[in-house]
C-alpha cells in the first residue's frame, strides 16, 4: 500500500501549499505520471474499445 501513502502525502502537501508546493516537492515526475496515465486510459477508452467493437471482436 505504498501508493496510497504517497497519494496521501501528495494530498496533504496540496492542502498545505497548493499546486506550487506539490510541484516543488515532487517535480515533473508526478505530472508526467498523471499525463501518461490519462493518455493510456483515453486511448483505450476512446480509440481501442470503439475500434474493437466496430471490428466485431466483442460480438
PDB file of N, CA and C in Angstrom:
ATOM      1  N   UNK A   1       0.813  -1.204   0.000  1.00  0.00           N
ATOM      2  CA  UNK A   1       0.000   0.000   0.000  1.00  0.00           C
ATOM      3  C   UNK A   1       0.853   1.264   0.000  1.00  0.00           C
ATOM      4  N   UNK A   2       2.028   1.163  -0.577  1.00  0.00           N
ATOM      5  CA  UNK A   2       2.919   2.322  -0.661  1.00  0.00           C
ATOM      6  C   UNK A   2       2.306   3.421  -1.521  1.00  0.00           C
ATOM      7  N   UNK A   3       1.577   3.033  -2.554  1.00  0.00           N
ATOM      8  CA  UNK A   3       0.970   4.028  -3.438  1.00  0.00           C
ATOM      9  C   UNK A   3      -0.055   4.871  -2.689  1.00  0.00           C
ATOM     10  N   UNK A   4      -0.812   4.250  -1.819  1.00  0.00           N
ATOM     11  CA  UNK A   4      -1.808   5.002  -1.048  1.00  0.00           C
ATOM     12  C   UNK A   4      -1.129   6.001  -0.119  1.00  0.00           C
ATOM     13  N   UNK A   5      -0.002   5.609   0.457  1.00  0.00           N
ATOM     14  CA  UNK A   5       0.722   6.510   1.346  1.00  0.00           C
ATOM     15  C   UNK A   5       1.249   7.712   0.568  1.00  0.00           C
ATOM     16  N   UNK A   6       1.768   7.458  -0.626  1.00  0.00           N
ATOM     17  CA  UNK A   6       2.276   8.549  -1.454  1.00  0.00           C
ATOM     18  C   UNK A   6       1.145   9.494  -1.842  1.00  0.00           C
ATOM     19  N   UNK A   7      -0.007   8.943  -2.214  1.00  0.00           N
ATOM     20  CA  UNK A   7      -1.142   9.792  -2.579  1.00  0.00           C
ATOM     21  C   UNK A   7      -1.618  10.634  -1.400  1.00  0.00           C
ATOM     22  N   UNK A   8      -1.603  10.058  -0.205  1.00  0.00           N
ATOM     23  CA  UNK A   8      -1.984  10.826   0.984  1.00  0.00           C
ATOM     24  C   UNK A   8      -0.991  11.964   1.240  1.00  0.00           C
ATOM     25  N   UNK A   9       0.309  11.689   1.034  1.00  0.00           N
ATOM     26  CA  UNK A   9       1.317  12.731   1.206  1.00  0.00           C
ATOM     27  C   UNK A   9       1.130  13.848   0.182  1.00  0.00           C
ATOM     28  N   UNK A  10       0.833  13.484  -1.040  1.00  0.00           N
ATOM     29  CA  UNK A  10       0.610  14.485  -2.091  1.00  0.00           C
ATOM     30  C   UNK A  10      -0.609  15.333  -1.748  1.00  0.00           C
ATOM     31  N   UNK A  11      -1.661  14.686  -1.291  1.00  0.00           N
ATOM     32  CA  UNK A  11      -2.881  15.416  -0.921  1.00  0.00           C
ATOM     33  C   UNK A  11      -2.614  16.381   0.228  1.00  0.00           C
ATOM     34  N   UNK A  12      -1.846  15.943   1.223  1.00  0.00           N
ATOM     35  CA  UNK A  12      -1.523  16.812   2.359  1.00  0.00           C
ATOM     36  C   UNK A  12      -0.666  17.993   1.906  1.00  0.00           C
ATOM     37  N   UNK A  13       0.277  17.729   1.029  1.00  0.00           N
ATOM     38  CA  UNK A  13       1.124  18.809   0.507  1.00  0.00           C
ATOM     39  C   UNK A  13       0.293  19.804  -0.279  1.00  0.00           C
ATOM     40  N   UNK A  14      -0.646  19.307  -1.055  1.00  0.00           N
ATOM     41  CA  UNK A  14      -1.510  20.193  -1.838  1.00  0.00           C
ATOM     42  C   UNK A  14      -2.363  21.070  -0.935  1.00  0.00           C
ATOM     43  N   UNK A  15      -2.872  20.495   0.136  1.00  0.00           N
ATOM     44  CA  UNK A  15      -3.694  21.281   1.069  1.00  0.00           C
ATOM     45  C   UNK A  15      -2.869  22.359   1.769  1.00  0.00           C
ATOM     46  N   UNK A  16      -1.636  22.024   2.094  1.00  0.00           N
ATOM     47  CA  UNK A  16      -0.789  22.967   2.823  1.00  0.00           C
ATOM     48  C   UNK A  16      -0.251  24.087   1.939  1.00  0.00           C
ATOM     49  N   UNK A  17       0.280  23.724   0.756  1.00  0.00           N
ATOM     50  CA  UNK A  17       0.974  24.742  -0.035  1.00  0.00           C
ATOM     51  C   UNK A  17       0.501  24.835  -1.481  1.00  0.00           C
ATOM     52  N   UNK A  18      -0.558  24.159  -1.826  1.00  0.00           N
ATOM     53  CA  UNK A  18      -1.124  24.295  -3.159  1.00  0.00           C
ATOM     54  C   UNK A  18      -0.347  23.555  -4.228  1.00  0.00           C
ATOM     55  N   UNK A  19      -0.699  23.848  -5.457  1.00  0.00           N
ATOM     56  CA  UNK A  19      -0.100  23.174  -6.603  1.00  0.00           C
ATOM     57  C   UNK A  19       1.392  23.482  -6.718  1.00  0.00           C
ATOM     58  N   UNK A  20       1.759  24.693  -6.393  1.00  0.00           N
ATOM     59  CA  UNK A  20       3.174  25.078  -6.462  1.00  0.00           C
ATOM     60  C   UNK A  20       4.005  24.263  -5.477  1.00  0.00           C
ATOM     61  N   UNK A  21       3.468  24.017  -4.298  1.00  0.00           N
ATOM     62  CA  UNK A  21       4.182  23.207  -3.311  1.00  0.00           C
ATOM     63  C   UNK A  21       4.330  21.760  -3.744  1.00  0.00           C
ATOM     64  N   UNK A  22       3.293  21.221  -4.359  1.00  0.00           N
ATOM     65  CA  UNK A  22       3.365  19.848  -4.867  1.00  0.00           C
ATOM     66  C   UNK A  22       4.429  19.761  -5.955  1.00  0.00           C
ATOM     67  N   UNK A  23       4.459  20.747  -6.831  1.00  0.00           N
ATOM     68  CA  UNK A  23       5.459  20.752  -7.895  1.00  0.00           C
ATOM     69  C   UNK A  23       6.876  20.863  -7.333  1.00  0.00           C
ATOM     70  N   UNK A  24       7.034  21.688  -6.298  1.00  0.00           N
ATOM     71  CA  UNK A  24       8.354  21.836  -5.681  1.00  0.00           C
ATOM     72  C   UNK A  24       8.833  20.537  -5.044  1.00  0.00           C
ATOM     73  N   UNK A  25       7.907  19.833  -4.392  1.00  0.00           N
ATOM     74  CA  UNK A  25       8.289  18.638  -3.652  1.00  0.00           C
ATOM     75  C   UNK A  25       8.469  17.422  -4.558  1.00  0.00           C
ATOM     76  N   UNK A  26       7.606  17.256  -5.550  1.00  0.00           N
ATOM     77  CA  UNK A  26       7.621  16.028  -6.349  1.00  0.00           C
ATOM     78  C   UNK A  26       8.124  16.231  -7.776  1.00  0.00           C
ATOM     79  N   UNK A  27       8.132  17.442  -8.250  1.00  0.00           N
ATOM     80  CA  UNK A  27       8.711  17.746  -9.551  1.00  0.00           C
ATOM     81  C   UNK A  27       7.890  17.258 -10.733  1.00  0.00           C
ATOM     82  N   UNK A  28       8.582  17.204 -11.868  1.00  0.00           N
ATOM     83  CA  UNK A  28       7.932  16.860 -13.131  1.00  0.00           C
ATOM     84  C   UNK A  28       7.481  15.405 -13.188  1.00  0.00           C
ATOM     85  N   UNK A  29       8.099  14.540 -12.411  1.00  0.00           N
ATOM     86  CA  UNK A  29       7.762  13.117 -12.471  1.00  0.00           C
ATOM     87  C   UNK A  29       6.301  12.865 -12.128  1.00  0.00           C
ATOM     88  N   UNK A  30       5.797  13.586 -11.139  1.00  0.00           N
ATOM     89  CA  UNK A  30       4.394  13.407 -10.747  1.00  0.00           C
ATOM     90  C   UNK A  30       3.462  13.817 -11.875  1.00  0.00           C
ATOM     91  N   UNK A  31       3.715  14.954 -12.479  1.00  0.00           N
ATOM     92  CA  UNK A  31       2.854  15.423 -13.550  1.00  0.00           C
ATOM     93  C   UNK A  31       2.994  14.555 -14.796  1.00  0.00           C
ATOM     94  N   UNK A  32       4.183  14.045 -15.040  1.00  0.00           N
ATOM     95  CA  UNK A  32       4.387  13.129 -16.156  1.00  0.00           C
ATOM     96  C   UNK A  32       3.619  11.825 -15.922  1.00  0.00           C
ATOM     97  N   UNK A  33       3.605  11.344 -14.694  1.00  0.00           N
ATOM     98  CA  UNK A  33       2.862  10.124 -14.369  1.00  0.00           C
ATOM     99  C   UNK A  33       1.369  10.315 -14.618  1.00  0.00           C
ATOM    100  N   UNK A  34       0.815  11.446 -14.204  1.00  0.00           N
ATOM    101  CA  UNK A  34      -0.601  11.715 -14.458  1.00  0.00           C
ATOM    102  C   UNK A  34      -0.883  11.826 -15.949  1.00  0.00           C
ATOM    103  N   UNK A  35       0.006  12.467 -16.682  1.00  0.00           N
ATOM    104  CA  UNK A  35      -0.184  12.620 -18.123  1.00  0.00           C
ATOM    105  C   UNK A  35      -0.186  11.262 -18.814  1.00  0.00           C
ATOM    106  N   UNK A  36       0.779  10.417 -18.483  1.00  0.00           N
ATOM    107  CA  UNK A  36       0.863   9.088 -19.082  1.00  0.00           C
ATOM    108  C   UNK A  36      -0.361   8.257 -18.716  1.00  0.00           C
ATOM    109  N   UNK A  37      -0.799   8.332 -17.460  1.00  0.00           N
ATOM    110  CA  UNK A  37      -1.979   7.579 -17.021  1.00  0.00           C
ATOM    111  C   UNK A  37      -3.203   7.964 -17.847  1.00  0.00           C
ATOM    112  N   UNK A  38      -3.459   9.266 -17.973  1.00  0.00           N
ATOM    113  CA  UNK A  38      -4.631   9.698 -18.717  1.00  0.00           C
ATOM    114  C   UNK A  38      -4.486   9.452 -20.209  1.00  0.00           C
ATOM    115  N   UNK A  39      -3.281   9.512 -20.741  1.00  0.00           N
ATOM    116  CA  UNK A  39      -3.056   9.215 -22.141  1.00  0.00           C
ATOM    117  C   UNK A  39      -3.406   7.755 -22.446  1.00  0.00           C
ATOM    118  N   UNK A  40      -2.916   6.839 -21.643  1.00  0.00           N
ATOM    119  CA  UNK A  40      -3.206   5.419 -21.841  1.00  0.00           C
ATOM    120  C   UNK A  40      -4.690   5.144 -21.649  1.00  0.00           C
ATOM    121  N   UNK A  41      -5.270   5.711 -20.607  1.00  0.00           N
ATOM    122  CA  UNK A  41      -6.693   5.489 -20.329  1.00  0.00           C
ATOM    123  C   UNK A  41      -7.568   5.976 -21.473  1.00  0.00           C
ATOM    124  N   UNK A  42      -7.293   7.165 -21.965  1.00  0.00           N
ATOM    125  CA  UNK A  42      -8.127   7.725 -23.027  1.00  0.00           C
ATOM    126  C   UNK A  42      -7.936   6.996 -24.353  1.00  0.00           C
ATOM    127  N   UNK A  43      -6.731   6.538 -24.636  1.00  0.00           N
ATOM    128  CA  UNK A  43      -6.519   5.765 -25.861  1.00  0.00           C
ATOM    129  C   UNK A  43      -7.321   4.466 -25.789  1.00  0.00           C
ATOM    130  N   UNK A  44      -7.306   3.827 -24.640  1.00  0.00           N
ATOM    131  CA  UNK A  44      -8.063   2.592 -24.505  1.00  0.00           C
ATOM    132  C   UNK A  44      -9.562   2.836 -24.624  1.00  0.00           C
ATOM    133  N   UNK A  45     -10.053   3.864 -23.953  1.00  0.00           N
ATOM    134  CA  UNK A  45     -11.491   4.114 -23.936  1.00  0.00           C
ATOM    135  C   UNK A  45     -12.037   4.676 -25.243  1.00  0.00           C
ATOM    136  N   UNK A  46     -11.318   5.590 -25.852  1.00  0.00           N
ATOM    137  CA  UNK A  46     -11.878   6.330 -26.972  1.00  0.00           C
ATOM    138  C   UNK A  46     -11.354   5.907 -28.337  1.00  0.00           C
ATOM    139  N   UNK A  47     -10.311   5.081 -28.372  1.00  0.00           N
ATOM    140  CA  UNK A  47      -9.795   4.639 -29.666  1.00  0.00           C
ATOM    141  C   UNK A  47      -9.867   3.118 -29.781  1.00  0.00           C
ATOM    142  N   UNK A  48      -9.236   2.406 -28.868  1.00  0.00           N
ATOM    143  CA  UNK A  48      -9.147   0.958 -28.984  1.00  0.00           C
ATOM    144  C   UNK A  48     -10.494   0.263 -28.780  1.00  0.00           C
ATOM    145  N   UNK A  49     -11.213   0.619 -27.751  1.00  0.00           N
ATOM    146  CA  UNK A  49     -12.505  -0.024 -27.478  1.00  0.00           C
ATOM    147  C   UNK A  49     -13.508   0.177 -28.612  1.00  0.00           C
ATOM    148  N   UNK A  50     -13.717   1.397 -29.116  1.00  0.00           N
ATOM    149  CA  UNK A  50     -14.633   1.542 -30.254  1.00  0.00           C
ATOM    150  C   UNK A  50     -14.151   0.795 -31.501  1.00  0.00           C
ATOM    151  N   UNK A  51     -12.836   0.767 -31.715  1.00  0.00           N
ATOM    152  CA  UNK A  51     -12.310   0.042 -32.871  1.00  0.00           C
ATOM    153  C   UNK A  51     -12.614  -1.452 -32.759  1.00  0.00           C
ATOM    154  N   UNK A  52     -12.382  -2.009 -31.581  1.00  0.00           N
ATOM    155  CA  UNK A  52     -12.656  -3.432 -31.389  1.00  0.00           C
ATOM    156  C   UNK A  52     -14.148  -3.732 -31.489  1.00  0.00           C
ATOM    157  N   UNK A  53     -14.967  -2.851 -30.970  1.00  0.00           N
ATOM    158  CA  UNK A  53     -16.421  -3.032 -31.106  1.00  0.00           C
ATOM    159  C   UNK A  53     -16.831  -2.974 -32.580  1.00  0.00           C
ATOM    160  N   UNK A  54     -16.248  -2.076 -33.315  1.00  0.00           N
ATOM    161  CA  UNK A  54     -16.566  -1.937 -34.739  1.00  0.00           C
ATOM    162  C   UNK A  54     -16.133  -3.175 -35.524  1.00  0.00           C
ATOM    163  N   UNK A  55     -14.985  -3.715 -35.166  1.00  0.00           N
ATOM    164  CA  UNK A  55     -14.474  -4.897 -35.873  1.00  0.00           C
ATOM    165  C   UNK A  55     -15.181  -6.182 -35.469  1.00  0.00           C
ATOM    166  N   UNK A  56     -15.967  -6.152 -34.424  1.00  0.00           N
ATOM    167  CA  UNK A  56     -16.739  -7.317 -34.021  1.00  0.00           C
ATOM    168  C   UNK A  56     -16.005  -8.274 -33.118  1.00  0.00           C
ATOM    169  N   UNK A  57     -14.984  -7.840 -32.440  1.00  0.00           N
ATOM    170  CA  UNK A  57     -14.251  -8.717 -31.537  1.00  0.00           C
ATOM    171  C   UNK A  57     -15.113  -9.116 -30.345  1.00  0.00           C
ATOM    172  N   UNK A  58     -15.946  -8.199 -29.884  1.00  0.00           N
ATOM    173  CA  UNK A  58     -16.746  -8.472 -28.700  1.00  0.00           C
ATOM    174  C   UNK A  58     -18.122  -9.073 -29.014  1.00  0.00           C
ATOM    175  N   UNK A  59     -18.434  -9.267 -30.265  1.00  0.00           N
ATOM    176  CA  UNK A  59     -19.755  -9.814 -30.599  1.00  0.00           C
ATOM    177  C   UNK A  59     -19.699 -11.260 -30.971  1.00  0.00           C
TER     178      UNK A  59
END
